[in-house]
């Protein structure tokens, strides 16, 4: 005999509703050679928002092209009192490789200062990056510089195809920093995550937003992607696994 229990049913419904609607996702995946859209969903694919630490991708290209960055291990810059120390891993010397891996903000700032404001602004314009606004306070996580998921994908497409005005070495070194892992059948995934806790919506609500952008490649084929999630509280550990789930749900699985 089944007992109808309205309170329990309401609790179950609210639990399901919370899990379904407590965040919003945007995802775009294209064939970088043919422009074919492989997967696309979300209502904010064309809305610009802070790139957060995904800005380290163009910043790396700038650093290597201007020869401020030497290779994956140099220069090594030391942590000093007063630098951002939000993560224990940031409280140590960092190289370009560890900077990208640990997403170290203070290393980004030092690189920015070494390049100079006018140089960074010029590169942003040459790259056609997002809204091309200069990060006004060296802290692009919540500055005027913004980019949409669609623009992220187009930027990465131009980058991988060598269509940005940087040296081949700058591209090769940046790719080395962005390598994530080997997938099946010889495919590789490259990318960078990002996060901010203070995105403001049209209705004035404050939401976290998080990125994972990059591309997967094999031989001469590559697929740039952008994954954006916004919500009250985001589990940052799920960005990369969720993106890989979306790969699996798309027609690209036949090619991996």
Protein backbone atom coordinates (compact mmCIF):
# COMPACT_ATOMS: atom_id res chain seq x y z
CA UNK A 1 0.00 0.00 0.00
CA UNK A 2 1.43 3.42 -0.99
CA UNK A 3 0.86 6.35 1.34
CA UNK A 4 0.53 9.79 -0.27
CA UNK A 5 2.73 12.13 1.75
CA UNK A 6 2.51 15.75 0.44
CA UNK A 7 5.29 17.16 2.67
CA UNK A 8 7.72 14.48 1.55
CA UNK A 9 6.74 14.94 -2.08
CA UNK A 10 7.20 18.70 -1.77
CA UNK A 11 10.63 18.20 -0.22
CA UNK A 12 11.59 15.85 -3.03
CA UNK A 13 10.35 18.30 -5.66
CA UNK A 14 12.27 21.21 -4.11
CA UNK A 15 15.40 19.07 -3.93
CA UNK A 16 15.12 18.19 -7.60
CA UNK A 17 14.30 21.77 -8.57
CA UNK A 18 17.29 23.09 -6.65
CA UNK A 19 19.64 20.65 -8.33
CA UNK A 20 18.23 21.55 -11.75
CA UNK A 21 17.93 25.30 -11.46
CA UNK A 22 20.56 26.47 -8.96
CA UNK A 23 22.99 27.12 -11.80
CA UNK A 24 23.02 27.83 -15.52
CA UNK A 25 25.39 26.46 -18.14
CA UNK A 26 26.57 27.64 -21.54
CA UNK A 27 28.60 25.42 -23.85
CA UNK A 28 29.95 25.79 -27.37
CA UNK A 29 32.07 23.27 -29.26
CA UNK A 30 33.06 23.70 -32.91
CA UNK A 31 35.25 22.05 -35.52
CA UNK A 32 38.19 24.43 -35.69
CA UNK A 33 38.92 23.63 -39.34
CA UNK A 34 35.42 23.67 -40.82
CA UNK A 35 33.52 25.98 -38.38
CA UNK A 36 30.89 23.24 -37.95
CA UNK A 37 29.02 23.67 -34.66
CA UNK A 38 29.24 20.33 -32.86
CA UNK A 39 27.39 21.31 -29.68
CA UNK A 40 25.76 24.53 -28.56
CA UNK A 41 23.42 25.39 -25.70
CA UNK A 42 22.76 28.08 -23.13
CA UNK A 43 21.20 31.53 -23.20
CA UNK A 44 24.42 33.51 -22.63
CA UNK A 45 26.70 32.34 -25.44
CA UNK A 46 26.93 35.90 -26.78
CA UNK A 47 26.95 37.75 -23.45
CA UNK A 48 30.31 39.17 -22.39
CA UNK A 49 31.56 38.53 -18.88
CA UNK A 50 34.93 38.62 -17.11
CA UNK A 51 37.42 36.10 -18.54
CA UNK A 52 38.82 35.57 -15.03
CA UNK A 53 41.95 33.41 -15.18
CA UNK A 54 41.27 32.27 -18.74
CA UNK A 55 42.95 35.61 -19.56
CA UNK A 56 46.20 33.84 -18.75
CA UNK A 57 45.99 32.33 -22.25
CA UNK A 58 46.43 35.63 -24.14
CA UNK A 59 48.73 36.87 -21.38
CA UNK A 60 51.01 33.86 -21.95
CA UNK A 61 51.06 34.55 -25.70
CA UNK A 62 52.04 38.16 -24.97
CA UNK A 63 54.73 37.13 -22.49
CA UNK A 64 56.46 34.71 -24.83
CA UNK A 65 56.07 36.91 -27.89
CA UNK A 66 57.66 39.85 -26.04
CA UNK A 67 60.32 37.49 -24.60
CA UNK A 68 59.51 38.33 -21.00
CA UNK A 69 58.75 34.64 -20.55
CA UNK A 70 61.69 32.45 -21.61
CA UNK A 71 60.52 28.83 -21.47
CA UNK A 72 58.28 26.70 -19.24
CA UNK A 73 60.72 26.99 -16.31
CA UNK A 74 61.88 30.60 -16.53
CA UNK A 75 61.64 33.24 -15.28
CA UNK A 76 61.15 32.14 -11.69
CA UNK A 77 59.72 34.92 -9.54
CA UNK A 78 59.65 34.73 -5.76
CA UNK A 79 56.61 35.18 -3.56
CA UNK A 80 56.80 38.28 -1.38
CA UNK A 81 54.79 39.61 1.53
CA UNK A 82 51.76 41.49 0.27
CA UNK A 83 51.24 39.33 -2.82
CA UNK A 84 47.94 37.49 -3.25
CA UNK A 85 48.13 34.38 -1.07
CA UNK A 86 44.61 32.97 -1.32
CA UNK A 87 45.98 29.49 -2.01
CA UNK A 88 48.88 27.85 -0.14
CA UNK A 89 50.46 26.95 -3.48
CA UNK A 90 50.80 30.64 -4.32
CA UNK A 91 53.07 31.24 -1.32
CA UNK A 92 56.14 29.95 -3.14
CA UNK A 93 58.34 30.79 -6.13
CA UNK A 94 56.63 30.28 -9.49
CA UNK A 95 57.69 29.56 -13.05
CA UNK A 96 55.51 29.95 -16.17
CA UNK A 97 54.43 26.30 -15.95
CA UNK A 98 53.50 26.46 -12.26
CA UNK A 99 51.88 29.88 -12.81
CA UNK A 100 49.49 28.37 -15.33
CA UNK A 101 48.93 25.14 -13.40
CA UNK A 102 48.22 26.89 -10.08
CA UNK A 103 46.55 29.92 -11.71
CA UNK A 104 48.71 32.23 -9.62
CA UNK A 105 47.34 35.78 -9.70
CA UNK A 106 50.43 37.59 -8.42
CA UNK A 107 52.60 36.05 -11.16
CA UNK A 108 50.11 37.36 -13.71
CA UNK A 109 50.36 40.84 -12.24
CA UNK A 110 54.16 40.82 -12.36
CA UNK A 111 54.08 39.63 -15.96
CA UNK A 112 51.56 42.36 -16.80
CA UNK A 113 53.82 44.99 -15.25
CA UNK A 114 56.89 43.65 -17.07
CA UNK A 115 55.02 43.90 -20.36
CA UNK A 116 53.68 47.37 -19.62
CA UNK A 117 50.15 48.68 -19.86
CA UNK A 118 50.44 50.03 -23.39
CA UNK A 119 51.91 46.76 -24.67
CA UNK A 120 49.11 44.69 -23.12
CA UNK A 121 46.48 47.06 -24.49
CA UNK A 122 48.02 46.83 -27.96
CA UNK A 123 48.04 43.02 -27.89
CA UNK A 124 44.41 42.91 -26.73
CA UNK A 125 43.47 45.06 -29.71
CA UNK A 126 45.56 43.00 -32.15
CA UNK A 127 44.00 39.80 -30.81
CA UNK A 128 40.48 41.23 -31.07
CA UNK A 129 40.04 39.80 -27.59
CA UNK A 130 36.51 40.17 -26.19
CA UNK A 131 35.37 43.76 -25.81
CA UNK A 132 39.04 44.83 -26.12
CA UNK A 133 38.84 46.96 -22.99
CA UNK A 134 42.07 47.47 -21.11
CA UNK A 135 41.97 45.86 -17.65
CA UNK A 136 41.93 49.13 -15.76
CA UNK A 137 43.42 47.99 -12.48
CA UNK A 138 45.72 45.08 -13.46
CA UNK A 139 43.06 42.82 -12.02
CA UNK A 140 40.98 41.57 -14.93
CA UNK A 141 39.06 39.10 -12.77
CA UNK A 142 36.51 41.84 -12.06
CA UNK A 143 37.59 44.63 -14.39
CA UNK A 144 36.17 46.18 -17.56
CA UNK A 145 37.65 43.45 -19.79
CA UNK A 146 34.93 41.00 -20.82
CA UNK A 147 34.47 38.15 -23.27
CA UNK A 148 31.62 35.84 -24.29
CA UNK A 149 31.74 32.05 -24.71
CA UNK A 150 31.40 32.56 -28.47
CA UNK A 151 34.33 35.01 -28.47
CA UNK A 152 36.43 32.62 -26.38
CA UNK A 153 35.95 29.91 -29.00
CA UNK A 154 36.76 32.21 -31.92
CA UNK A 155 39.89 33.49 -30.16
CA UNK A 156 41.12 29.94 -29.50
CA UNK A 157 40.34 28.95 -33.08
CA UNK A 158 42.50 31.79 -34.41
CA UNK A 159 45.22 30.97 -31.90
CA UNK A 160 45.53 27.28 -32.77
CA UNK A 161 45.44 28.03 -36.49
CA UNK A 162 48.32 30.47 -36.09
CA UNK A 163 46.25 33.49 -37.10
CA UNK A 164 47.22 35.71 -34.15
CA UNK A 165 50.11 38.20 -34.54
CA UNK A 166 52.54 36.32 -32.29
CA UNK A 167 55.58 34.14 -32.97
CA UNK A 168 55.32 30.41 -33.57
CA UNK A 169 57.35 29.89 -30.42
CA UNK A 170 54.90 31.95 -28.35
CA UNK A 171 52.12 29.68 -29.57
CA UNK A 172 54.12 26.48 -28.99
CA UNK A 173 55.12 27.48 -25.45
CA UNK A 174 51.59 28.54 -24.54
CA UNK A 175 50.25 25.22 -25.80
CA UNK A 176 52.81 23.47 -23.60
CA UNK A 177 51.54 25.36 -20.54
CA UNK A 178 47.90 24.58 -21.39
CA UNK A 179 48.23 20.82 -21.89
CA UNK A 180 45.82 18.96 -19.60
CA UNK A 181 45.74 15.26 -20.44
CA UNK A 182 45.68 12.50 -23.02
CA UNK A 183 42.25 11.34 -24.05
CA UNK A 184 41.42 8.13 -25.93
CA UNK A 185 42.75 7.27 -29.38
CA UNK A 186 45.55 9.81 -29.38
CA UNK A 187 43.47 12.91 -28.66
CA UNK A 188 44.81 15.58 -26.30
CA UNK A 189 43.01 18.22 -24.31
CA UNK A 190 44.36 21.73 -23.68
CA UNK A 191 42.70 24.42 -21.62
CA UNK A 192 42.43 26.87 -18.77
CA UNK A 193 39.90 27.32 -16.00
CA UNK A 194 38.74 30.56 -14.43
CA UNK A 195 36.50 31.67 -11.58
CA UNK A 196 34.96 34.80 -10.09
CA UNK A 197 32.63 35.15 -7.14
CA UNK A 198 31.04 38.46 -8.02
CA UNK A 199 29.32 38.47 -11.40
CA UNK A 200 26.28 40.76 -11.30
CA UNK A 201 23.17 39.74 -13.25
CA UNK A 202 20.67 42.10 -14.90
CA UNK A 203 18.39 41.91 -11.86
CA UNK A 204 21.23 42.83 -9.52
CA UNK A 205 21.83 39.37 -8.13
CA UNK A 206 25.44 38.39 -7.40
CA UNK A 207 26.48 35.04 -8.85
CA UNK A 208 29.70 33.11 -9.09
CA UNK A 209 30.80 32.25 -12.59
CA UNK A 210 33.41 29.77 -13.73
CA UNK A 211 35.04 28.87 -17.04
CA UNK A 212 36.80 26.01 -18.71
CA UNK A 213 37.98 26.93 -22.19
CA UNK A 214 40.38 25.24 -24.57
CA UNK A 215 40.45 22.71 -27.35
CA UNK A 216 40.96 19.03 -28.09
CA UNK A 217 43.22 18.00 -30.94
CA UNK A 218 44.61 15.07 -32.87
CA UNK A 219 47.04 15.50 -35.73
CA UNK A 220 45.55 18.28 -37.91
CA UNK A 221 42.06 18.24 -36.38
CA UNK A 222 41.02 20.35 -33.42
CA UNK A 223 37.81 21.38 -31.66
CA UNK A 224 37.85 24.61 -29.60
CA UNK A 225 35.29 24.86 -26.79
CA UNK A 226 34.04 27.16 -24.06
CA UNK A 227 32.14 26.03 -20.97
CA UNK A 228 30.65 28.67 -18.66
CA UNK A 229 28.67 28.00 -15.50
CA UNK A 230 26.97 30.58 -13.26
CA UNK A 231 25.29 29.97 -9.92
CA UNK A 232 25.03 30.81 -6.24
CA UNK A 233 27.79 28.38 -5.32
CA UNK A 234 29.84 26.42 -7.86
CA UNK A 235 31.77 23.22 -7.31
CA UNK A 236 34.95 24.18 -9.15
CA UNK A 237 36.19 20.60 -9.25
CA UNK A 238 33.37 19.68 -11.63
CA UNK A 239 34.21 22.07 -14.48
CA UNK A 240 36.58 19.79 -16.36
CA UNK A 241 34.67 16.52 -15.74
CA UNK A 242 31.43 18.24 -16.80
CA UNK A 243 33.04 19.47 -20.02
CA UNK A 244 34.25 15.95 -20.76
CA UNK A 245 30.69 14.72 -20.19
CA UNK A 246 29.51 17.22 -22.78
CA UNK A 247 32.11 15.91 -25.22
CA UNK A 248 30.72 12.43 -24.64
CA UNK A 249 27.14 13.60 -25.27
CA UNK A 250 28.03 15.24 -28.58
CA UNK A 251 28.60 13.66 -32.00
CA UNK A 252 32.32 14.18 -31.46
CA UNK A 253 32.41 10.88 -29.53
CA UNK A 254 32.47 9.05 -32.85
CA UNK A 255 35.73 10.79 -33.65
CA UNK A 256 37.50 10.40 -30.30
